[in-house]
Protein backbone atom coordinates (compact mmCIF):
# COMPACT_ATOMS: atom_id res chain seq x y z
CA UNK A 1 -121.31 88.80 19.96
CA UNK A 2 -121.69 91.44 22.86
CA UNK A 3 -124.50 89.90 24.91
CA UNK A 4 -126.27 92.97 26.34
CA UNK A 5 -129.27 92.53 29.21
CA UNK A 6 -131.63 93.45 26.37
CA UNK A 7 -130.39 90.37 23.97
CA UNK A 8 -132.86 87.88 23.52
CA UNK A 9 -131.96 84.20 24.97
CA UNK A 10 -132.99 82.69 21.56
CA UNK A 11 -130.69 84.84 19.88
CA UNK A 12 -127.62 84.14 22.37
CA UNK A 13 -128.00 80.39 21.92
CA UNK A 14 -127.87 80.84 17.65
CA UNK A 15 -124.19 82.79 18.52
CA UNK A 16 -123.07 80.62 20.97
CA UNK A 17 -124.77 76.98 21.46
CA UNK A 18 -122.44 76.27 24.76
CA UNK A 19 -124.76 78.61 26.59
CA UNK A 20 -127.68 76.66 26.69
CA UNK A 21 -125.14 74.64 29.43
CA UNK A 22 -125.48 77.76 31.37
CA UNK A 23 -129.21 78.45 30.67
CA UNK A 24 -129.83 75.04 31.74
CA UNK A 25 -128.22 74.98 34.78
CA UNK A 26 -129.96 78.16 35.81
CA UNK A 27 -133.61 77.18 34.70
CA UNK A 28 -133.90 79.78 31.73
CA UNK A 29 -135.65 78.55 28.75
CA UNK A 30 -134.24 79.40 25.70
CA UNK A 31 -136.43 77.03 23.46
CA UNK A 32 -140.08 77.72 23.76
CA UNK A 33 -139.51 80.72 25.86
CA UNK A 34 -136.01 82.37 24.49
CA UNK A 35 -137.91 85.17 22.64
CA UNK A 36 -137.63 87.39 25.90
CA UNK A 37 -134.65 89.52 26.93
CA UNK A 38 -131.58 88.20 29.03
CA UNK A 39 -132.77 91.06 31.48
CA UNK A 40 -136.40 89.59 31.89
CA UNK A 41 -135.81 86.19 32.43
CA UNK A 42 -133.07 86.90 34.87
CA UNK A 43 -134.97 89.40 37.00
CA UNK A 44 -137.92 86.43 36.75
CA UNK A 45 -135.66 83.89 38.06
CA UNK A 46 -133.88 86.26 40.68
CA UNK A 47 -130.54 85.67 38.86
CA UNK A 48 -127.82 88.64 38.62
CA UNK A 49 -127.69 89.04 34.88
CA UNK A 50 -124.14 90.65 34.73
CA UNK A 51 -123.15 87.12 36.55
CA UNK A 52 -124.93 85.48 33.20
CA UNK A 53 -123.29 87.34 30.73
CA UNK A 54 -120.02 86.64 32.53
CA UNK A 55 -120.50 82.93 32.41
CA UNK A 56 -121.64 83.02 28.97
CA UNK A 57 -118.39 85.08 28.08
CA UNK A 58 -115.94 82.25 29.49
CA UNK A 59 -117.20 79.49 26.87
CA UNK A 60 -116.19 78.39 23.59
CA UNK A 61 -118.78 78.60 21.09
CA UNK A 62 -117.85 75.59 19.36
CA UNK A 63 -117.93 73.34 22.45
CA UNK A 64 -121.57 72.42 21.84
CA UNK A 65 -121.48 71.74 18.32
CA UNK A 66 -120.55 68.27 16.61
CA UNK A 67 -119.51 67.21 13.22
CA UNK A 68 -122.27 65.54 11.39
CA UNK A 69 -120.36 62.81 9.54
CA UNK A 70 -123.58 62.02 7.01
CA UNK A 71 -123.44 65.27 5.25
CA UNK A 72 -119.80 67.09 4.73
CA UNK A 73 -119.79 70.52 6.08
CA UNK A 74 -122.51 70.08 8.27
CA UNK A 75 -122.71 70.75 11.81
CA UNK A 76 -125.52 69.01 14.19
CA UNK A 77 -125.91 71.35 17.46
CA UNK A 78 -126.09 68.67 20.89
CA UNK A 79 -129.51 70.08 22.06
CA UNK A 80 -130.87 68.67 25.51
CA UNK A 81 -134.37 67.52 25.27
CA UNK A 82 -135.11 68.81 28.72
CA UNK A 83 -134.47 72.32 27.20
CA UNK A 84 -137.60 73.42 26.91
CA UNK A 85 -138.81 74.36 30.33
CA UNK A 86 -142.39 75.55 29.65
C-alpha cells in the first residue's frame, strides 16, 4: 500500500495490521478516530508525518496476524484492548 499524508489511519491498519504498534506508541487513535488523514492526526499530536510513514514502511504486515485455528483459512488480528483512545 502506498501511504500518503492523506491516507486515513484506519485504511493503513486494514492493509497493514502491524501498524497498530506504531500508532499505539505515538498515541494515535486508529479505532474510533481512525477515519482521519494521517497528516491531520500527526499535526494534532505534533508528529512528523514522514517519520511515521517511514516507521510503517519498515513493518512486516503479517506480524500482527495469527492463525485462527477454530476455522481453517481464517486470520484473526491481535487488537489491543487499549486501541481506542477516544
